[in-house]
Amino acid sequence: MDASSPLGIPLHQLLPGWIGLCLIAALAWAATIAWAGTMNVGPGTMGMSLATFLPIWVVMMAAMMFPSVAPMAIVWIRSVAARPSSRDRVVGIASFLAGYLCAWAAFGAAVYVVLLGAGRLANDAPGTVRWVGAAIFAVAGVYQLTPLKVACLRHCRTPLGSLFHYASYKGPVRDLRVGIHHGLYCVGCCWGLMIVLVAVGAMNIPVMVALAGVILIEKVWRHGTAFSRVVGVSLLVIAALVLFFPSLLPGLTATPMSSM
C-alpha cells in the first residue's frame, strides 16, 4: 500500500508535481537573487516604480510559496477536479497558480505603498526608525498568536473542506478562481511574516530564505501550528532587540546613495 500525504493523495502521485513546482521555485529564486545583486537592500522601494516592483514581487512569491502550495494545487487537480490527461492537469495547475499569484500581487501593491512610506520615513525622520521597526516586528509576532492566524493556517494545512466546496465552482476559469481563493487564505496566513521585509529590506535574500522556510514548516510539519507560535514569540523578542540595535533594520535605514 502506498503511503499517503496529509491531504489524502498517494505520495507517488504527489511527488512528481511537487518536484516540478520546486524546480520552478528554484528558477524564481535564481532570478530574485540576480535582481537583488543589482540593488540595495533598502530603504523603501529602492527607486522602483509600481510597474517594476510588482513583477519582481510576484517572482519572489513564486520562489517563496510554490514549495508549500504545491500539495494543495496537485490535490485539487488530481483528486477533486479529476483531470483525465496530463495536458489538462498541467493547464489546470498553471491556472490555479496564476490565480494564487494574483492574490499575492494584490497584496504586493499594498506592500509597495508601505515601502514608499518607509523610504520617506528613513530619509525624513531617522530618529523614529527603531520604533517603527519594533512596531513592525511586534505586529508580526502578535499576529502569529491570534485566532485568525490559526484559522488561515488550518485552511492551508488541511484544506479538504474547501476543496469539496471548490468542486461546486463551474466555468472555464474555475481553476483560476480556486487559486485566487486559496491565495487569499495564504495571504491571511502569511502577511504578518511578509511585513518583516519592510523592516529588513524587500530584497533581503537571507531573510526571504528564512521566511520561506518558516512558511513551509508551518504548512507541512505536523507541529506547524505550535511552530508558528514559537515564531511569534521570537518576533516579539526581535521587536525588543531592534530598539537597542537599529542596525537590524536595513530596510528602514537610509544610506548616502538612497538619500541622494
C-alpha atoms as a PDB file:
ATOM      1  CA  MET A   1       0.000   0.000   0.000  1.00  0.00           C
ATOM      2  CA  ASP A   2       1.309   3.438  -0.929  1.00  0.00           C
ATOM      3  CA  ALA A   3       1.907   5.990   1.784  1.00  0.00           C
ATOM      4  CA  SER A   4      -0.395   8.987   1.667  1.00  0.00           C
ATOM      5  CA  SER A   5       0.242  12.672   2.211  1.00  0.00           C
ATOM      6  CA  PRO A   6      -1.665  14.641   4.858  1.00  0.00           C
ATOM      7  CA  LEU A   7      -4.017  15.709   2.061  1.00  0.00           C
ATOM      8  CA  GLY A   8      -5.007  12.139   1.299  1.00  0.00           C
ATOM      9  CA  ILE A   9      -3.295  11.568  -2.046  1.00  0.00           C
ATOM     10  CA  PRO A  10      -0.678   8.815  -2.531  1.00  0.00           C
ATOM     11  CA  LEU A  11       2.822  10.204  -2.262  1.00  0.00           C
ATOM     12  CA  HIS A  12       3.902   8.633  -5.552  1.00  0.00           C
ATOM     13  CA  GLN A  13       1.295  10.802  -7.294  1.00  0.00           C
ATOM     14  CA  LEU A  14       2.094  13.928  -5.310  1.00  0.00           C
ATOM     15  CA  LEU A  15       5.877  13.829  -5.512  1.00  0.00           C
ATOM     16  CA  PRO A  16       6.481  14.465  -9.257  1.00  0.00           C
ATOM     17  CA  GLY A  17       4.322  17.586  -9.306  1.00  0.00           C
ATOM     18  CA  TRP A  18       5.858  18.808  -6.068  1.00  0.00           C
ATOM     19  CA  ILE A  19       9.349  18.378  -7.511  1.00  0.00           C
ATOM     20  CA  GLY A  20       8.291  20.213 -10.665  1.00  0.00           C
ATOM     21  CA  LEU A  21       6.967  23.197  -8.741  1.00  0.00           C
ATOM     22  CA  CYS A  22      10.060  23.209  -6.536  1.00  0.00           C
ATOM     23  CA  LEU A  23      12.180  23.430  -9.697  1.00  0.00           C
ATOM     24  CA  ILE A  24      10.111  26.418 -10.833  1.00  0.00           C
ATOM     25  CA  ALA A  25      10.640  27.924  -7.392  1.00  0.00           C
ATOM     26  CA  ALA A  26      14.385  27.361  -7.767  1.00  0.00           C
ATOM     27  CA  LEU A  27      14.370  29.300 -11.050  1.00  0.00           C
ATOM     28  CA  ALA A  28      12.405  32.062  -9.349  1.00  0.00           C
ATOM     29  CA  TRP A  29      14.993  32.126  -6.565  1.00  0.00           C
ATOM     30  CA  ALA A  30      17.777  32.445  -9.159  1.00  0.00           C
ATOM     31  CA  ALA A  31      16.017  35.401 -10.780  1.00  0.00           C
ATOM     32  CA  THR A  32      15.351  37.032  -7.400  1.00  0.00           C
ATOM     33  CA  ILE A  33      18.970  36.670  -6.309  1.00  0.00           C
ATOM     34  CA  ALA A  34      20.141  38.133  -9.624  1.00  0.00           C
ATOM     35  CA  TRP A  35      17.848  41.146  -9.188  1.00  0.00           C
ATOM     36  CA  ALA A  36      18.911  41.592  -5.568  1.00  0.00           C
ATOM     37  CA  GLY A  37      22.532  41.804  -6.679  1.00  0.00           C
ATOM     38  CA  THR A  38      21.756  44.914  -8.721  1.00  0.00           C
ATOM     39  CA  MET A  39      20.147  46.961  -5.944  1.00  0.00           C
ATOM     40  CA  ASN A  40      20.485  47.915  -2.293  1.00  0.00           C
ATOM     41  CA  VAL A  41      18.604  46.080   0.449  1.00  0.00           C
ATOM     42  CA  GLY A  42      16.740  49.268   1.321  1.00  0.00           C
ATOM     43  CA  PRO A  43      15.207  51.506   2.288  1.00  0.00           C
ATOM     44  CA  GLY A  44      11.760  51.711   0.743  1.00  0.00           C
ATOM     45  CA  THR A  45      11.103  50.746  -2.874  1.00  0.00           C
ATOM     46  CA  MET A  46      14.767  51.143  -3.869  1.00  0.00           C
ATOM     47  CA  GLY A  47      13.720  53.531  -6.616  1.00  0.00           C
ATOM     48  CA  MET A  48      11.399  51.061  -8.336  1.00  0.00           C
ATOM     49  CA  SER A  49       8.078  52.106  -9.807  1.00  0.00           C
ATOM     50  CA  LEU A  50       4.991  50.017  -9.070  1.00  0.00           C
ATOM     51  CA  ALA A  51       5.148  48.598 -12.616  1.00  0.00           C
ATOM     52  CA  THR A  52       8.698  47.407 -11.945  1.00  0.00           C
ATOM     53  CA  PHE A  53       8.129  46.271  -8.382  1.00  0.00           C
ATOM     54  CA  LEU A  54       5.064  44.070  -8.927  1.00  0.00           C
ATOM     55  CA  PRO A  55       6.628  41.611 -11.429  1.00  0.00           C
ATOM     56  CA  ILE A  56       9.643  41.214  -9.133  1.00  0.00           C
ATOM     57  CA  TRP A  57       7.336  40.740  -6.148  1.00  0.00           C
ATOM     58  CA  VAL A  58       5.346  38.050  -7.990  1.00  0.00           C
ATOM     59  CA  VAL A  59       8.538  36.169  -8.851  1.00  0.00           C
ATOM     60  CA  MET A  60       9.613  36.483  -5.211  1.00  0.00           C
ATOM     61  CA  MET A  61       6.300  34.978  -4.099  1.00  0.00           C
ATOM     62  CA  ALA A  62       6.687  32.110  -6.575  1.00  0.00           C
ATOM     63  CA  ALA A  63      10.123  31.426  -5.109  1.00  0.00           C
ATOM     64  CA  MET A  64       8.948  31.546  -1.514  1.00  0.00           C
ATOM     65  CA  MET A  65       5.484  29.973  -1.795  1.00  0.00           C
ATOM     66  CA  PHE A  66       5.439  27.341  -4.544  1.00  0.00           C
ATOM     67  CA  PRO A  67       7.034  24.576  -2.425  1.00  0.00           C
ATOM     68  CA  SER A  68       4.367  24.981   0.277  1.00  0.00           C
ATOM     69  CA  VAL A  69       1.377  25.435  -2.063  1.00  0.00           C
ATOM     70  CA  ALA A  70       2.339  22.576  -4.406  1.00  0.00           C
ATOM     71  CA  PRO A  71       0.494  19.813  -2.469  1.00  0.00           C
ATOM     72  CA  MET A  72      -2.748  21.799  -2.477  1.00  0.00           C
ATOM     73  CA  ALA A  73      -2.529  22.573  -6.203  1.00  0.00           C
ATOM     74  CA  ILE A  74      -1.795  18.958  -7.122  1.00  0.00           C
ATOM     75  CA  VAL A  75      -4.504  17.504  -4.910  1.00  0.00           C
ATOM     76  CA  TRP A  76      -7.056  19.904  -6.387  1.00  0.00           C
ATOM     77  CA  ILE A  77      -6.232  18.957  -9.960  1.00  0.00           C
ATOM     78  CA  ARG A  78      -5.713  15.222  -9.489  1.00  0.00           C
ATOM     79  CA  SER A  79      -8.287  14.299  -6.855  1.00  0.00           C
ATOM     80  CA  VAL A  80     -11.121  16.806  -6.812  1.00  0.00           C
ATOM     81  CA  ALA A  81     -11.068  18.331 -10.291  1.00  0.00           C
ATOM     82  CA  ALA A  82     -10.105  14.887 -11.682  1.00  0.00           C
ATOM     83  CA  ARG A  83      -8.384  15.930 -14.916  1.00  0.00           C
ATOM     84  CA  PRO A  84      -8.227  12.989 -17.345  1.00  0.00           C
ATOM     85  CA  SER A  85      -4.975  13.823 -19.156  1.00  0.00           C
ATOM     86  CA  SER A  86      -1.528  15.139 -18.323  1.00  0.00           C
ATOM     87  CA  ARG A  87      -2.117  18.181 -20.520  1.00  0.00           C
ATOM     88  CA  ASP A  88      -5.350  19.023 -18.676  1.00  0.00           C
ATOM     89  CA  ARG A  89      -3.579  18.686 -15.346  1.00  0.00           C
ATOM     90  CA  VAL A  90      -0.734  20.991 -16.424  1.00  0.00           C
ATOM     91  CA  VAL A  91      -3.163  23.625 -17.714  1.00  0.00           C
ATOM     92  CA  GLY A  92      -5.228  23.310 -14.536  1.00  0.00           C
ATOM     93  CA  ILE A  93      -2.232  23.722 -12.239  1.00  0.00           C
ATOM     94  CA  ALA A  94      -0.998  26.698 -14.293  1.00  0.00           C
ATOM     95  CA  SER A  95      -4.413  28.376 -13.965  1.00  0.00           C
ATOM     96  CA  PHE A  96      -4.520  27.630 -10.233  1.00  0.00           C
ATOM     97  CA  LEU A  97      -1.056  29.107  -9.715  1.00  0.00           C
ATOM     98  CA  ALA A  98      -1.920  32.168 -11.813  1.00  0.00           C
ATOM     99  CA  GLY A  99      -4.884  32.841  -9.545  1.00  0.00           C
ATOM    100  CA  TYR A 100      -2.752  32.207  -6.478  1.00  0.00           C
ATOM    101  CA  LEU A 101      -0.172  34.733  -7.645  1.00  0.00           C
ATOM    102  CA  CYS A 102      -2.927  37.265  -8.429  1.00  0.00           C
ATOM    103  CA  ALA A 103      -3.815  37.258  -4.735  1.00  0.00           C
ATOM    104  CA  TRP A 104      -0.183  37.883  -3.809  1.00  0.00           C
ATOM    105  CA  ALA A 105       0.140  40.581  -6.483  1.00  0.00           C
ATOM    106  CA  ALA A 106      -2.759  42.461  -4.897  1.00  0.00           C
ATOM    107  CA  PHE A 107      -1.021  42.236  -1.537  1.00  0.00           C
ATOM    108  CA  GLY A 108       2.215  43.325  -3.226  1.00  0.00           C
ATOM    109  CA  ALA A 109       0.554  46.577  -4.339  1.00  0.00           C
ATOM    110  CA  ALA A 110      -0.258  47.296  -0.694  1.00  0.00           C
ATOM    111  CA  VAL A 111       3.308  46.427   0.314  1.00  0.00           C
ATOM    112  CA  TYR A 112       4.601  48.893  -2.282  1.00  0.00           C
ATOM    113  CA  VAL A 113       2.614  51.719  -0.667  1.00  0.00           C
ATOM    114  CA  VAL A 114       4.035  50.778   2.741  1.00  0.00           C
ATOM    115  CA  LEU A 115       7.561  50.683   1.297  1.00  0.00           C
ATOM    116  CA  LEU A 116       7.086  54.170  -0.121  1.00  0.00           C
ATOM    117  CA  GLY A 117       6.210  55.411   3.356  1.00  0.00           C
ATOM    118  CA  ALA A 118       9.161  53.532   4.871  1.00  0.00           C
ATOM    119  CA  GLY A 119      11.556  55.127   2.408  1.00  0.00           C
ATOM    120  CA  ARG A 120      10.322  58.625   3.195  1.00  0.00           C
ATOM    121  CA  LEU A 121      10.491  57.914   6.909  1.00  0.00           C
ATOM    122  CA  ALA A 122      14.085  56.691   6.666  1.00  0.00           C
ATOM    123  CA  ASN A 123      15.128  59.925   4.958  1.00  0.00           C
ATOM    124  CA  ASP A 124      12.953  62.447   6.793  1.00  0.00           C
ATOM    125  CA  ALA A 125      12.680  61.077  10.348  1.00  0.00           C
ATOM    126  CA  PRO A 126      15.557  58.670  11.009  1.00  0.00           C
ATOM    127  CA  GLY A 127      15.100  59.032  14.761  1.00  0.00           C
ATOM    128  CA  THR A 128      11.804  57.156  14.610  1.00  0.00           C
ATOM    129  CA  VAL A 129      13.173  54.205  12.648  1.00  0.00           C
ATOM    130  CA  ARG A 130      13.825  51.944  15.630  1.00  0.00           C
ATOM    131  CA  TRP A 131      10.303  52.457  16.954  1.00  0.00           C
ATOM    132  CA  VAL A 132       8.709  51.776  13.590  1.00  0.00           C
ATOM    133  CA  GLY A 133      10.866  48.681  13.163  1.00  0.00           C
ATOM    134  CA  ALA A 134       9.934  47.454  16.630  1.00  0.00           C
ATOM    135  CA  ALA A 135       6.265  48.016  15.811  1.00  0.00           C
ATOM    136  CA  ILE A 136       6.562  46.008  12.581  1.00  0.00           C
ATOM    137  CA  PHE A 137       8.132  43.034  14.345  1.00  0.00           C
ATOM    138  CA  ALA A 138       5.657  43.319  17.226  1.00  0.00           C
ATOM    139  CA  VAL A 139       2.664  43.316  14.866  1.00  0.00           C
ATOM    140  CA  ALA A 140       4.106  40.317  13.018  1.00  0.00           C
ATOM    141  CA  GLY A 141       4.711  38.497  16.298  1.00  0.00           C
ATOM    142  CA  VAL A 142       1.317  39.229  17.814  1.00  0.00           C
ATOM    143  CA  TYR A 143      -0.473  38.161  14.637  1.00  0.00           C
ATOM    144  CA  GLN A 144       1.255  34.774  14.809  1.00  0.00           C
ATOM    145  CA  LEU A 145      -0.562  34.213  18.123  1.00  0.00           C
ATOM    146  CA  THR A 146      -4.057  35.269  17.027  1.00  0.00           C
ATOM    147  CA  PRO A 147      -7.050  33.016  16.236  1.00  0.00           C
ATOM    148  CA  LEU A 148      -7.191  34.484  12.703  1.00  0.00           C
ATOM    149  CA  LYS A 149      -3.670  33.262  12.007  1.00  0.00           C
ATOM    150  CA  VAL A 150      -4.599  29.835  13.347  1.00  0.00           C
ATOM    151  CA  ALA A 151      -7.742  29.705  11.195  1.00  0.00           C
ATOM    152  CA  CYS A 152      -5.913  30.690   7.996  1.00  0.00           C
ATOM    153  CA  LEU A 153      -3.085  28.275   8.751  1.00  0.00           C
ATOM    154  CA  ARG A 154      -5.593  25.488   9.376  1.00  0.00           C
ATOM    155  CA  HIS A 155      -7.069  26.095   5.929  1.00  0.00           C
ATOM    156  CA  CYS A 156      -3.626  25.913   4.337  1.00  0.00           C
ATOM    157  CA  ARG A 157      -2.652  22.784   6.276  1.00  0.00           C
ATOM    158  CA  THR A 158      -5.904  20.794   5.870  1.00  0.00           C
ATOM    159  CA  PRO A 159      -7.970  22.368   3.083  1.00  0.00           C
ATOM    160  CA  LEU A 160     -10.106  19.296   2.302  1.00  0.00           C
ATOM    161  CA  GLY A 161     -13.349  21.012   3.299  1.00  0.00           C
ATOM    162  CA  SER A 162     -12.624  23.927   0.993  1.00  0.00           C
ATOM    163  CA  LEU A 163     -11.581  21.569  -1.796  1.00  0.00           C
ATOM    164  CA  PHE A 164     -15.024  19.992  -1.852  1.00  0.00           C
ATOM    165  CA  HIS A 165     -16.559  23.463  -1.782  1.00  0.00           C
ATOM    166  CA  TYR A 166     -14.391  24.402  -4.759  1.00  0.00           C
ATOM    167  CA  ALA A 167     -15.775  21.375  -6.597  1.00  0.00           C
ATOM    168  CA  SER A 168     -19.044  23.310  -6.915  1.00  0.00           C
ATOM    169  CA  TYR A 169     -17.310  26.030  -8.933  1.00  0.00           C
ATOM    170  CA  LYS A 170     -18.249  25.987 -12.607  1.00  0.00           C
ATOM    171  CA  GLY A 171     -16.974  27.544 -15.805  1.00  0.00           C
ATOM    172  CA  PRO A 172     -13.692  27.833 -17.726  1.00  0.00           C
ATOM    173  CA  VAL A 173     -11.978  29.949 -15.046  1.00  0.00           C
ATOM    174  CA  ARG A 174     -12.730  27.569 -12.187  1.00  0.00           C
ATOM    175  CA  ASP A 175      -9.071  26.768 -11.521  1.00  0.00           C
ATOM    176  CA  LEU A 176      -8.202  30.460 -11.558  1.00  0.00           C
ATOM    177  CA  ARG A 177     -10.961  31.197  -9.018  1.00  0.00           C
ATOM    178  CA  VAL A 178      -9.789  28.376  -6.770  1.00  0.00           C
ATOM    179  CA  GLY A 179      -6.228  29.691  -6.924  1.00  0.00           C
ATOM    180  CA  ILE A 180      -7.337  33.216  -6.013  1.00  0.00           C
ATOM    181  CA  HIS A 181      -9.456  31.982  -3.102  1.00  0.00           C
ATOM    182  CA  HIS A 182      -6.682  29.790  -1.730  1.00  0.00           C
ATOM    183  CA  GLY A 183      -4.169  32.575  -2.329  1.00  0.00           C
ATOM    184  CA  LEU A 184      -6.234  34.955  -0.214  1.00  0.00           C
ATOM    185  CA  TYR A 185      -6.172  32.453   2.638  1.00  0.00           C
ATOM    186  CA  CYS A 186      -2.417  32.188   2.181  1.00  0.00           C
ATOM    187  CA  VAL A 187      -2.078  35.972   2.325  1.00  0.00           C
ATOM    188  CA  GLY A 188      -4.175  35.899   5.500  1.00  0.00           C
ATOM    189  CA  CYS A 189      -1.833  33.284   6.918  1.00  0.00           C
ATOM    190  CA  CYS A 190       1.468  34.893   5.950  1.00  0.00           C
ATOM    191  CA  TRP A 191       1.023  38.671   5.674  1.00  0.00           C
ATOM    192  CA  GLY A 192       2.439  39.182   9.177  1.00  0.00           C
ATOM    193  CA  LEU A 193       5.635  37.407   8.210  1.00  0.00           C
ATOM    194  CA  MET A 194       5.880  39.299   4.926  1.00  0.00           C
ATOM    195  CA  ILE A 195       5.746  42.752   6.503  1.00  0.00           C
ATOM    196  CA  VAL A 196       9.053  41.901   8.167  1.00  0.00           C
ATOM    197  CA  LEU A 197      10.582  42.567   4.731  1.00  0.00           C
ATOM    198  CA  VAL A 198       9.608  46.238   5.115  1.00  0.00           C
ATOM    199  CA  ALA A 199      11.899  46.458   8.136  1.00  0.00           C
ATOM    200  CA  VAL A 200      14.814  44.402   6.829  1.00  0.00           C
ATOM    201  CA  GLY A 201      14.599  45.268   3.121  1.00  0.00           C
ATOM    202  CA  ALA A 202      12.322  43.955   0.387  1.00  0.00           C
ATOM    203  CA  MET A 203      15.251  42.273  -1.394  1.00  0.00           C
ATOM    204  CA  ASN A 204      16.972  40.862   1.697  1.00  0.00           C
ATOM    205  CA  ILE A 205      17.711  37.360   0.401  1.00  0.00           C
ATOM    206  CA  PRO A 206      18.776  35.693   3.699  1.00  0.00           C
ATOM    207  CA  VAL A 207      15.598  36.866   5.429  1.00  0.00           C
ATOM    208  CA  MET A 208      13.492  35.782   2.446  1.00  0.00           C
ATOM    209  CA  VAL A 209      15.012  32.308   2.629  1.00  0.00           C
ATOM    210  CA  ALA A 210      14.346  32.158   6.376  1.00  0.00           C
ATOM    211  CA  LEU A 211      10.728  33.267   5.923  1.00  0.00           C
ATOM    212  CA  ALA A 212      10.185  30.746   3.129  1.00  0.00           C
ATOM    213  CA  GLY A 213      11.475  28.023   5.453  1.00  0.00           C
ATOM    214  CA  VAL A 214       9.169  29.176   8.259  1.00  0.00           C
ATOM    215  CA  ILE A 215       6.156  29.164   5.912  1.00  0.00           C
ATOM    216  CA  LEU A 216       6.960  25.695   4.582  1.00  0.00           C
ATOM    217  CA  ILE A 217       7.409  24.255   8.091  1.00  0.00           C
ATOM    218  CA  GLU A 218       4.181  25.878   9.304  1.00  0.00           C
ATOM    219  CA  LYS A 219       2.205  24.316   6.467  1.00  0.00           C
ATOM    220  CA  VAL A 220       3.642  20.809   6.144  1.00  0.00           C
ATOM    221  CA  TRP A 221       5.031  19.839   9.562  1.00  0.00           C
ATOM    222  CA  ARG A 222       2.562  18.090  11.861  1.00  0.00           C
ATOM    223  CA  HIS A 223       3.521  20.506  14.644  1.00  0.00           C
ATOM    224  CA  GLY A 224       3.255  23.503  12.330  1.00  0.00           C
ATOM    225  CA  THR A 225       0.656  25.337  14.418  1.00  0.00           C
ATOM    226  CA  ALA A 226       2.797  25.140  17.553  1.00  0.00           C
ATOM    227  CA  PHE A 227       5.834  26.142  15.498  1.00  0.00           C
ATOM    228  CA  SER A 228       4.019  29.271  14.291  1.00  0.00           C
ATOM    229  CA  ARG A 229       3.517  30.312  17.914  1.00  0.00           C
ATOM    230  CA  VAL A 230       7.219  29.858  18.636  1.00  0.00           C
ATOM    231  CA  VAL A 231       7.967  32.066  15.636  1.00  0.00           C
ATOM    232  CA  GLY A 232       5.552  34.654  17.007  1.00  0.00           C
ATOM    233  CA  VAL A 233       7.318  34.790  20.350  1.00  0.00           C
ATOM    234  CA  SER A 234      10.681  35.027  18.551  1.00  0.00           C
ATOM    235  CA  LEU A 235       9.440  38.011  16.545  1.00  0.00           C
ATOM    236  CA  LEU A 236       8.370  39.736  19.747  1.00  0.00           C
ATOM    237  CA  VAL A 237      11.859  39.219  21.148  1.00  0.00           C
ATOM    238  CA  ILE A 238      13.350  40.751  17.992  1.00  0.00           C
ATOM    239  CA  ALA A 239      10.926  43.679  18.347  1.00  0.00           C
ATOM    240  CA  ALA A 240      12.532  44.435  21.702  1.00  0.00           C
ATOM    241  CA  LEU A 241      16.076  43.957  20.391  1.00  0.00           C
ATOM    242  CA  VAL A 242      15.752  46.384  17.487  1.00  0.00           C
ATOM    243  CA  LEU A 243      15.163  49.221  19.954  1.00  0.00           C
ATOM    244  CA  PHE A 244      18.770  48.742  21.057  1.00  0.00           C
ATOM    245  CA  PHE A 245      20.238  47.501  17.777  1.00  0.00           C
ATOM    246  CA  PRO A 246      18.741  49.582  14.918  1.00  0.00           C
ATOM    247  CA  SER A 247      21.320  48.052  12.582  1.00  0.00           C
ATOM    248  CA  LEU A 248      18.885  45.102  12.429  1.00  0.00           C
ATOM    249  CA  LEU A 249      16.623  47.349  10.313  1.00  0.00           C
ATOM    250  CA  PRO A 250      18.428  47.899   6.983  1.00  0.00           C
ATOM    251  CA  GLY A 251      15.075  48.306   5.249  1.00  0.00           C
ATOM    252  CA  LEU A 252      14.431  51.440   7.316  1.00  0.00           C
ATOM    253  CA  THR A 253      17.938  52.868   7.335  1.00  0.00           C
ATOM    254  CA  ALA A 254      18.834  55.460   4.729  1.00  0.00           C
ATOM    255  CA  THR A 255      22.211  55.105   3.008  1.00  0.00           C
ATOM    256  CA  PRO A 256      24.054  58.007   1.372  1.00  0.00           C
ATOM    257  CA  MET A 257      23.025  56.678  -2.054  1.00  0.00           C
ATOM    258  CA  SER A 258      19.355  56.419  -1.082  1.00  0.00           C
ATOM    259  CA  SER A 259      19.424  59.900   0.419  1.00  0.00           C
ATOM    260  CA  MET A 260      20.739  61.273  -2.882  1.00  0.00           C
END
